[in-house]
Amino acid sequence: MKTRILLMCLFSMVLSTTYAQIDTRQRNVIKTKITTVDDISHIQSKELKSIWKPSYIHVIAINKKASLKDFIRLNKYLTEAPLLYNPQNTLIICEEKMVEWVKEVATGYDIFPLHTMNLSNEMIIEGTMVPLTSKDNTPDYDFKFTKEKNI
């Protein structure tokens, strides 16, 4: 009888832990909202808002389908123009599973994992991102990302 009670307790603990983890993942997914039309994306993200710095002039977004060749090209792009691109004025956006790769290629740069960024067929793009204000008439969004060029 004691064994049965212990097994039931253990089962309920495992079940509640699993449920708590699933619930956390679902809440993280809901926190980010992106709408893209042509080359402009509107982003709603409390996490991005909390790490945003006004010094970001350049934003580089990496497609989840990027290959090793694309990462090498990004490294070359960042190192050939150190006066133009540096960790103080450049933010890199990528999938959460790619953060470690990006850290290797762009050491010292701020990296923000954003899993729903839709870049269509481009692997790496550069653009500008600005915080939205009440004058922009988009109350549901925090930022506007404008694509400028493919890297």
Protein backbone atom coordinates (compact mmCIF):
# COMPACT_ATOMS: atom_id res chain seq x y z
CA MET A 1 0.00 0.00 0.00
CA LYS A 2 2.82 2.43 0.87
CA THR A 3 4.51 1.68 -2.45
CA ARG A 4 1.33 2.51 -4.31
CA ILE A 5 0.97 5.84 -2.49
CA LEU A 6 4.62 6.71 -3.17
CA LEU A 7 4.21 5.89 -6.86
CA MET A 8 1.07 8.03 -7.09
CA CYS A 9 2.90 10.95 -5.43
CA LEU A 10 5.84 10.56 -7.78
CA PHE A 11 3.54 10.38 -10.80
CA SER A 12 1.70 13.54 -9.75
CA MET A 13 4.97 15.42 -9.22
CA VAL A 14 6.23 14.45 -12.67
CA LEU A 15 2.92 15.38 -14.25
CA SER A 16 2.77 18.77 -12.55
CA THR A 17 6.39 19.56 -13.51
CA THR A 18 5.72 18.66 -17.13
CA TYR A 19 2.58 20.78 -17.19
CA ALA A 20 4.44 23.76 -15.71
CA GLN A 21 7.15 23.55 -18.40
CA ILE A 22 4.63 23.39 -21.24
CA ASP A 23 2.75 26.35 -19.79
CA THR A 24 5.97 28.41 -19.63
CA ARG A 25 6.84 27.69 -23.26
CA GLN A 26 3.36 28.68 -24.40
CA ARG A 27 3.55 31.99 -22.53
CA ASN A 28 6.89 32.82 -24.18
CA VAL A 29 5.43 32.24 -27.64
CA ILE A 30 2.56 34.64 -27.01
CA LYS A 31 4.84 37.49 -25.89
CA THR A 32 6.17 38.16 -29.41
CA LYS A 33 4.03 39.29 -32.31
CA ILE A 34 5.35 40.19 -35.77
CA THR A 35 3.52 41.45 -38.82
CA THR A 36 5.45 41.82 -42.08
CA VAL A 37 4.28 43.68 -45.18
CA ASP A 38 6.78 44.08 -48.02
CA ASP A 39 10.07 45.13 -46.40
CA ILE A 40 8.61 46.45 -43.14
CA SER A 41 7.98 44.37 -40.03
CA HIS A 42 6.12 45.57 -36.97
CA ILE A 43 7.24 43.82 -33.79
CA GLN A 44 5.59 43.57 -30.40
CA SER A 45 7.98 42.18 -27.79
CA LYS A 46 8.36 43.15 -24.16
CA GLU A 47 11.71 41.35 -24.03
CA LEU A 48 13.07 43.33 -26.99
CA LYS A 49 11.76 46.52 -25.44
CA SER A 50 13.63 45.75 -22.22
CA ILE A 51 17.02 45.27 -23.93
CA TRP A 52 16.67 47.98 -26.58
CA LYS A 53 19.36 50.67 -26.69
CA PRO A 54 18.94 53.95 -28.58
CA SER A 55 22.51 53.51 -29.89
CA TYR A 56 21.44 50.65 -32.22
CA ILE A 57 21.87 52.01 -35.72
CA HIS A 58 22.08 48.66 -37.51
CA VAL A 59 19.97 45.56 -37.01
CA ILE A 60 21.00 42.32 -38.68
CA ALA A 61 18.40 39.56 -38.95
CA ILE A 62 19.39 35.96 -39.66
CA ASN A 63 17.06 33.44 -41.29
CA LYS A 64 16.59 30.11 -39.53
CA LYS A 65 17.74 28.39 -42.75
CA ALA A 66 21.14 30.14 -42.77
CA SER A 67 24.09 27.86 -43.50
CA LEU A 68 27.72 27.86 -42.43
CA LYS A 69 28.55 29.77 -45.60
CA ASP A 70 26.11 32.51 -44.55
CA PHE A 71 27.72 32.75 -41.10
CA ILE A 72 31.16 33.08 -42.66
CA ARG A 73 29.83 35.86 -44.89
CA LEU A 74 28.37 37.61 -41.82
CA ASN A 75 31.69 37.40 -39.98
CA LYS A 76 33.49 38.90 -42.98
CA TYR A 77 30.84 41.60 -43.26
CA LEU A 78 31.22 42.64 -39.62
CA THR A 79 35.03 42.50 -39.52
CA GLU A 80 35.65 44.38 -42.78
CA ALA A 81 33.93 47.51 -41.54
CA PRO A 82 34.73 47.80 -37.80
CA LEU A 83 34.08 51.54 -37.80
CA LEU A 84 30.63 51.07 -39.30
CA TYR A 85 29.53 47.92 -37.41
CA ASN A 86 30.48 47.45 -33.78
CA PRO A 87 28.92 45.92 -30.65
CA GLN A 88 27.66 49.31 -29.47
CA ASN A 89 25.61 50.17 -32.56
CA THR A 90 24.56 46.77 -33.98
CA LEU A 91 21.91 44.32 -32.78
CA ILE A 92 21.68 40.83 -34.24
CA ILE A 93 18.35 38.99 -34.35
CA CYS A 94 18.22 35.23 -34.91
CA GLU A 95 16.43 32.03 -33.95
CA GLU A 96 16.97 30.89 -30.38
CA LYS A 97 18.69 27.70 -31.51
CA MET A 98 21.23 29.75 -33.52
CA VAL A 99 22.41 32.03 -30.71
CA GLU A 100 25.53 29.97 -29.98
CA TRP A 101 26.57 30.02 -33.66
CA VAL A 102 26.07 33.77 -33.84
CA LYS A 103 28.11 34.29 -30.65
CA GLU A 104 31.02 32.52 -32.35
CA VAL A 105 30.78 34.64 -35.48
CA ALA A 106 29.91 37.99 -33.89
CA THR A 107 31.73 37.98 -30.57
CA GLY A 108 30.66 40.83 -28.31
CA TYR A 109 27.57 41.81 -30.27
CA ASP A 110 24.14 41.93 -28.63
CA ILE A 111 22.03 39.02 -29.85
CA PHE A 112 18.27 38.81 -29.45
CA PRO A 113 16.51 35.49 -30.07
CA LEU A 114 13.35 36.11 -32.06
CA HIS A 115 11.90 32.89 -33.41
CA THR A 116 9.18 34.27 -35.64
CA MET A 117 11.14 36.71 -37.81
CA ASN A 118 10.05 36.01 -41.39
CA LEU A 119 12.82 36.82 -43.86
CA SER A 120 11.39 34.95 -46.86
CA ASN A 121 14.26 33.71 -49.05
CA GLU A 122 17.03 35.98 -47.79
CA MET A 123 19.44 34.37 -45.33
CA ILE A 124 20.82 37.52 -43.70
CA ILE A 125 19.45 41.02 -44.03
CA GLU A 126 20.40 44.37 -42.61
CA GLY A 127 17.93 47.01 -41.69
CA THR A 128 16.98 49.67 -39.22
CA MET A 129 14.72 49.31 -36.24
CA VAL A 130 12.99 52.15 -34.46
CA PRO A 131 10.77 52.17 -31.41
CA LEU A 132 7.21 53.17 -32.26
CA THR A 133 5.48 56.03 -30.53
CA SER A 134 1.86 57.07 -30.24
CA LYS A 135 2.38 59.28 -33.34
CA ASP A 136 2.97 56.14 -35.44
CA ASN A 137 -0.64 55.03 -34.93
CA THR A 138 0.28 51.37 -34.30
CA PRO A 139 -0.68 50.82 -30.65
CA ASP A 140 -0.22 47.03 -30.72
CA TYR A 141 3.46 47.16 -31.71
CA ASP A 142 6.68 48.32 -30.07
CA PHE A 143 9.13 48.47 -33.02
CA LYS A 144 9.31 48.90 -36.77
CA PHE A 145 12.04 46.99 -38.64
CA THR A 146 12.76 48.21 -42.16
CA LYS A 147 14.82 46.00 -44.46
CA GLU A 148 17.58 47.87 -46.26
CA LYS A 149 19.75 45.25 -47.96
CA ASN A 150 20.75 41.60 -48.17
CA ILE A 151 24.11 40.63 -46.77
